[in-house]
Protein backbone atom coordinates (compact mmCIF):
# COMPACT_ATOMS: atom_id res chain seq x y z
CA UNK A 1 -30.70 24.29 -17.14
CA UNK A 2 -27.32 24.09 -18.87
CA UNK A 3 -25.59 23.95 -15.50
CA UNK A 4 -27.75 20.97 -14.43
CA UNK A 5 -26.95 19.16 -17.69
CA UNK A 6 -23.23 19.75 -17.18
CA UNK A 7 -23.42 18.46 -13.60
CA UNK A 8 -25.28 15.34 -14.72
CA UNK A 9 -22.74 14.71 -17.49
CA UNK A 10 -19.84 15.09 -15.05
CA UNK A 11 -21.55 12.69 -12.65
CA UNK A 12 -22.05 10.13 -15.43
CA UNK A 13 -18.42 10.46 -16.51
CA UNK A 14 -17.23 10.04 -12.91
CA UNK A 15 -19.36 6.93 -12.40
CA UNK A 16 -18.12 5.44 -15.69
CA UNK A 17 -14.50 6.19 -14.79
CA UNK A 18 -14.89 4.61 -11.33
CA UNK A 19 -16.46 1.53 -12.91
CA UNK A 20 -13.55 1.20 -15.33
CA UNK A 21 -11.04 1.59 -12.50
CA UNK A 22 -12.89 -1.05 -10.47
CA UNK A 23 -12.79 -3.53 -13.35
CA UNK A 24 -9.09 -2.79 -13.83
CA UNK A 25 -8.41 -3.49 -10.15
CA UNK A 26 -10.21 -6.84 -10.46
CA UNK A 27 -8.07 -7.72 -13.47
CA UNK A 28 -4.91 -6.81 -11.53
CA UNK A 29 -5.87 -9.13 -8.68
CA UNK A 30 -6.80 -12.03 -10.95
CA UNK A 31 -3.51 -11.63 -12.76
CA UNK A 32 -1.65 -11.44 -9.44
CA UNK A 33 -3.24 -14.73 -8.38
CA UNK A 34 -1.96 -16.44 -11.53
CA UNK A 35 1.50 -14.90 -11.07
CA UNK A 36 1.73 -16.23 -7.50
CA UNK A 37 0.84 -19.68 -8.77
CA UNK A 38 3.69 -19.31 -11.29
CA UNK A 39 6.05 -18.05 -8.55
CA UNK A 40 6.43 -14.66 -10.27
CA UNK A 41 6.16 -12.90 -6.93
CA UNK A 42 7.66 -9.54 -7.85
CA UNK A 43 5.05 -8.78 -10.51
CA UNK A 44 2.26 -10.24 -8.37
CA UNK A 45 3.00 -7.87 -5.49
CA UNK A 46 3.16 -4.90 -7.83
CA UNK A 47 -0.28 -5.74 -9.27
CA UNK A 48 -1.74 -6.26 -5.79
CA UNK A 49 -0.51 -2.83 -4.70
CA UNK A 50 -1.93 -1.19 -7.83
CA UNK A 51 -5.30 -2.83 -7.20
CA UNK A 52 -5.39 -1.84 -3.54
CA UNK A 53 -4.64 1.77 -4.42
CA UNK A 54 -7.67 1.83 -6.72
CA UNK A 55 -10.00 -0.06 -4.38
CA UNK A 56 -9.12 1.95 -1.26
CA UNK A 57 -10.86 5.01 -2.72
CA UNK A 58 -14.29 3.52 -2.01
CA UNK A 59 -15.93 1.62 0.85
CA UNK A 60 -18.74 -0.03 -1.09
CA UNK A 61 -19.35 -3.72 -0.47
CA UNK A 62 -17.80 -4.85 -3.72
CA UNK A 63 -14.59 -2.88 -3.07
CA UNK A 64 -14.40 -4.28 0.48
CA UNK A 65 -14.73 -7.79 -0.94
CA UNK A 66 -11.91 -7.30 -3.43
CA UNK A 67 -9.70 -5.65 -0.80
CA UNK A 68 -10.25 -8.83 1.19
CA UNK A 69 -9.18 -10.81 -1.84
CA UNK A 70 -6.03 -8.67 -2.08
CA UNK A 71 -5.20 -9.54 1.53
CA UNK A 72 -5.92 -13.20 0.80
CA UNK A 73 -3.43 -13.10 -2.07
CA UNK A 74 -0.79 -11.58 0.20
CA UNK A 75 -1.46 -14.37 2.68
CA UNK A 76 -1.05 -16.88 -0.12
CA UNK A 77 2.26 -15.26 -1.13
CA UNK A 78 3.73 -15.35 2.37
CA UNK A 79 2.51 -18.91 2.83
CA UNK A 80 4.36 -19.90 -0.35
CA UNK A 81 7.65 -18.41 0.84
CA UNK A 82 7.35 -19.92 4.33
CA UNK A 83 6.57 -16.81 6.39
CA UNK A 84 3.63 -18.27 8.30
CA UNK A 85 3.36 -15.37 10.73
CA UNK A 86 2.77 -12.78 8.01
CA UNK A 87 0.61 -15.24 6.09
CA UNK A 88 -1.70 -15.59 9.08
CA UNK A 89 -1.80 -11.81 9.60
CA UNK A 90 -2.99 -11.26 6.03
CA UNK A 91 -5.51 -14.10 6.18
CA UNK A 92 -6.89 -12.50 9.35
CA UNK A 93 -7.27 -9.18 7.51
CA UNK A 94 -9.00 -10.98 4.64
CA UNK A 95 -11.33 -12.73 7.09
CA UNK A 96 -12.32 -9.41 8.69
CA UNK A 97 -13.11 -7.82 5.32
CA UNK A 98 -14.97 -10.84 3.97
CA UNK A 99 -17.06 -11.04 7.15
CA UNK A 100 -18.40 -7.55 6.51
CA UNK A 101 -19.89 -8.44 3.15
CA UNK A 102 -20.44 -12.24 3.11
CA UNK A 103 -22.97 -13.95 5.35
CA UNK A 104 -23.18 -17.54 4.08
CA UNK A 105 -21.62 -19.99 6.58
CA UNK A 106 -19.46 -21.81 4.01
CA UNK A 107 -18.22 -18.71 2.19
CA UNK A 108 -14.84 -16.96 2.09
CA UNK A 109 -14.75 -16.12 5.84
CA UNK A 110 -15.05 -19.84 6.63
CA UNK A 111 -12.22 -20.64 4.21
CA UNK A 112 -9.98 -17.99 5.80
CA UNK A 113 -10.64 -19.39 9.28
CA UNK A 114 -9.84 -22.89 8.06
CA UNK A 115 -6.50 -21.76 6.59
CA UNK A 116 -5.62 -19.88 9.78
CA UNK A 117 -6.39 -22.93 11.90
CA UNK A 118 -4.06 -25.01 9.73
CA UNK A 119 -1.31 -22.42 10.12
CA UNK A 120 -1.83 -22.38 13.88
CA UNK A 121 -1.57 -26.16 13.87
CA UNK A 122 1.58 -26.03 11.72
CA UNK A 123 -0.12 -28.11 9.02
CA UNK A 124 1.77 -26.15 6.39
CA UNK A 125 5.09 -26.40 8.15
CA UNK A 126 7.96 -28.64 7.22
CA UNK A 127 8.43 -31.84 9.18
CA UNK A 128 11.79 -30.30 10.09
CA UNK A 129 10.44 -26.98 11.34
CA UNK A 130 11.00 -25.25 14.67
CA UNK A 131 8.67 -22.47 15.80
CA UNK A 132 9.17 -20.70 19.15
CA UNK A 133 7.04 -17.65 20.03
CA UNK A 134 7.91 -16.86 23.65
CA UNK A 135 10.94 -16.73 25.92
CA UNK A 136 9.48 -19.60 27.94
CA UNK A 137 9.32 -21.81 24.84
CA UNK A 138 12.83 -20.77 23.82
CA UNK A 139 14.35 -21.54 27.23
CA UNK A 140 12.64 -24.92 27.29
CA UNK A 141 14.03 -25.77 23.85
CA UNK A 142 17.58 -24.77 24.82
CA UNK A 143 17.42 -27.15 27.79
CA UNK A 144 16.65 -30.07 25.46
CA UNK A 145 19.38 -29.34 22.89
CA UNK A 146 21.61 -32.14 24.13
CA UNK A 147 18.85 -34.70 23.57
CA UNK A 148 18.10 -33.95 19.93
CA UNK A 149 19.66 -32.96 16.63
CA UNK A 150 19.62 -29.66 14.79
CA UNK A 151 18.50 -30.93 11.42
CA UNK A 152 15.94 -28.18 10.78
CA UNK A 153 15.27 -26.43 7.49
CA UNK A 154 12.73 -23.91 8.87
CA UNK A 155 13.28 -22.00 12.13
CA UNK A 156 11.13 -19.17 13.51
CA UNK A 157 12.11 -17.71 16.89
CA UNK A 158 9.76 -14.77 17.35
CA UNK A 159 9.22 -12.49 20.35
CA UNK A 160 11.63 -14.47 22.52
CA UNK A 161 13.61 -11.50 23.86
CA UNK A 162 16.76 -12.53 21.95
CA UNK A 163 19.67 -10.12 22.14
CA UNK A 164 21.84 -12.06 19.73
CA UNK A 165 21.54 -14.82 17.16
CA UNK A 166 21.17 -18.09 19.11
CA UNK A 167 24.44 -19.99 19.35
CA UNK A 168 23.00 -23.15 17.78
CA UNK A 169 21.78 -21.48 14.56
CA UNK A 170 25.18 -21.66 12.86
CA UNK A 171 25.23 -25.42 13.40
CA UNK A 172 22.04 -25.90 11.35
CA UNK A 173 23.68 -26.70 8.03
CA UNK A 174 20.37 -27.54 6.28
CA UNK A 175 18.61 -24.37 7.39
CA UNK A 176 16.84 -22.55 4.53
CA UNK A 177 14.35 -20.29 6.32
CA UNK A 178 15.26 -18.27 9.42
CA UNK A 179 12.88 -15.83 11.11
CA UNK A 180 14.19 -13.91 14.13
CA UNK A 181 11.68 -11.08 14.08
CA UNK A 182 10.30 -9.13 17.06
CA UNK A 183 13.31 -9.64 19.33
CA UNK A 184 15.92 -7.26 20.77
CA UNK A 185 18.93 -7.92 18.56
CA UNK A 186 20.85 -4.65 18.31
CA UNK A 187 24.05 -5.85 16.60
CA UNK A 188 24.04 -8.62 14.02
CA UNK A 189 27.09 -10.56 12.90
CA UNK A 190 26.58 -12.50 9.67
CA UNK A 191 29.28 -14.95 10.75
CA UNK A 192 26.71 -16.36 13.19
CA UNK A 193 24.38 -17.41 10.38
CA UNK A 194 24.59 -20.42 8.03
CA UNK A 195 25.43 -19.23 4.53
CA UNK A 196 22.90 -21.54 2.83
CA UNK A 197 19.89 -19.48 3.87
CA UNK A 198 17.28 -18.67 1.25
CA UNK A 199 14.99 -16.60 3.46
CA UNK A 200 16.08 -14.34 6.34
CA UNK A 201 13.70 -12.19 8.40
CA UNK A 202 15.26 -10.04 11.13
CA UNK A 203 12.57 -7.36 11.23
CA UNK A 204 11.41 -5.46 14.31
CA UNK A 205 14.61 -5.81 16.33
CA UNK A 206 16.03 -2.29 16.56
CA UNK A 207 19.23 -3.43 14.81
CA UNK A 208 21.81 -0.62 14.75
CA UNK A 209 24.88 -2.31 13.28
CA UNK A 210 25.80 -5.14 10.93
CA UNK A 211 29.15 -6.93 11.18
CA UNK A 212 30.84 -9.10 8.60
CA UNK A 213 29.90 -9.59 4.97
CA UNK A 214 26.83 -10.91 3.18
CA UNK A 215 28.92 -11.97 0.19
CA UNK A 216 28.73 -15.67 1.10
CA UNK A 217 24.93 -15.78 1.14
CA UNK A 218 24.72 -16.66 -2.55
CA UNK A 219 21.40 -18.50 -2.25
CA UNK A 220 19.53 -15.80 -0.32
CA UNK A 221 16.29 -14.84 -2.10
CA UNK A 222 14.38 -12.94 0.58
CA UNK A 223 15.95 -10.51 3.05
CA UNK A 224 13.34 -8.96 5.37
CA UNK A 225 14.97 -6.30 7.53
CA UNK A 226 12.15 -3.82 8.07
CA UNK A 227 11.59 -1.70 11.19
CA UNK A 228 15.12 -1.47 12.54
CA UNK A 229 17.50 1.39 13.37
CA UNK A 230 20.56 0.95 11.15
CA UNK A 231 21.99 3.74 9.03
CA UNK A 232 24.26 1.65 6.80
CA UNK A 233 23.38 -1.35 4.67
CA UNK A 234 25.25 -4.63 5.21
CA UNK A 235 28.58 -5.08 3.43
CA UNK A 236 28.40 -6.79 0.03
CA UNK A 237 24.60 -6.78 -0.01
CA UNK A 238 24.87 -5.85 -3.67
CA UNK A 239 26.65 -9.17 -4.36
CA UNK A 240 23.44 -11.15 -3.78
CA UNK A 241 22.37 -11.62 -7.38
CA UNK A 242 19.76 -14.27 -6.45
CA UNK A 243 17.95 -11.84 -4.13
CA UNK A 244 14.32 -11.45 -5.18
CA UNK A 245 12.91 -9.31 -2.36
CA UNK A 246 14.66 -6.80 -0.10
CA UNK A 247 12.32 -5.25 2.48
CA UNK A 248 13.78 -2.02 3.91
CA UNK A 249 10.56 -0.48 5.19
CA UNK A 250 10.72 1.41 8.47
CA UNK A 251 14.43 2.26 8.29
CA UNK A 252 14.45 6.02 7.79
CA UNK A 253 18.14 6.42 8.71
CA UNK A 254 19.38 4.84 5.48
CA UNK A 255 20.80 7.51 3.12
CA UNK A 256 19.08 7.60 -0.24
CA UNK A 257 22.43 7.22 -2.02
CA UNK A 258 22.82 3.80 -0.39
CA UNK A 259 19.38 2.72 -1.56
CA UNK A 260 20.10 4.12 -5.03
CA UNK A 261 23.30 2.09 -5.24
CA UNK A 262 21.41 -1.09 -4.34
CA UNK A 263 18.75 -0.30 -6.94
CA UNK A 264 21.42 0.02 -9.59
CA UNK A 265 23.35 -3.11 -8.64
CA UNK A 266 20.36 -5.33 -7.88
CA UNK A 267 18.12 -4.19 -10.69
CA UNK A 268 16.12 -7.43 -10.76
CA UNK A 269 15.39 -7.30 -7.03
CA UNK A 270 12.10 -5.94 -5.67
CA UNK A 271 13.04 -3.23 -3.14
CA UNK A 272 10.25 -2.48 -0.66
CA UNK A 273 10.01 0.75 1.30
CA UNK A 274 7.23 2.70 3.01
CA UNK A 275 3.98 0.76 3.32
CA UNK A 276 4.96 -2.00 0.92
CA UNK A 277 5.35 0.31 -2.09
CA UNK A 278 8.06 -0.74 -4.58
CA UNK A 279 10.63 2.04 -5.03
CA UNK A 280 12.42 0.47 -7.97
CA UNK A 281 13.54 3.29 -10.26
CA UNK A 282 12.91 6.02 -7.69
CA UNK A 283 15.17 9.08 -7.86
CA UNK A 284 16.39 11.42 -5.16
CA UNK A 285 13.94 14.02 -6.43
CA UNK A 286 11.04 11.59 -6.09
CA UNK A 287 11.99 10.83 -2.51
CA UNK A 288 12.16 14.49 -1.53
CA UNK A 289 8.71 15.11 -2.96
């Protein structure tokens, strides 16, 4: 009899603890939403990750819904910073989760589809944006260069089989956002990029070497360089005091001492590594574990 009572008590305690954790996760996500609205992205991402860690322990409908909300917030974040590709990816994830638990035709799944359709139609894009997502589109654009100007502030050239930074990029003096992800750039020279960039995404390229210095990129706030093959960080990366997010995920050749140095010199920057987990304050011992 005593054993049964103990088992029941443990079950009650477990249920109560799970309920408290669930409510805490909801609070994290609501707070993250407000932080994104206030452009406090570093703290917002941290709260989203904390919430997802709690919610991923269960597959009940209410947890699935709030995991969808977490993906929606990530989509909102990437939309705010101009990364429409990642924004759409996260809205798609949110749509899939919402669809599992919401059946009404005008509910959250409908809203997610509406946002994705606007992204696909470039409704969120700048009037001075250029988006190319295939080699065919890229080649066609290059042929028309002589007929137009290069007054773009947002450029995304994705999956176009690029082996180098396009020759015309350096001429874009007003360029603020540059996305060259999912290409085949193996060696990157920073001298080929305009120094006024605020957002640079060169992920998924297999980059092995960086040439030149990043010291002139004083306005750079987001440097997305995940999933490449380099073993040394760019020169003078630690000079970028305006940098808010540095995404190093998927680069396992970088020595920890290099990352540690960046953490110390850019202590207000959110460093991302391994499945979008912040490693700010991590030690060599932590990494080995």
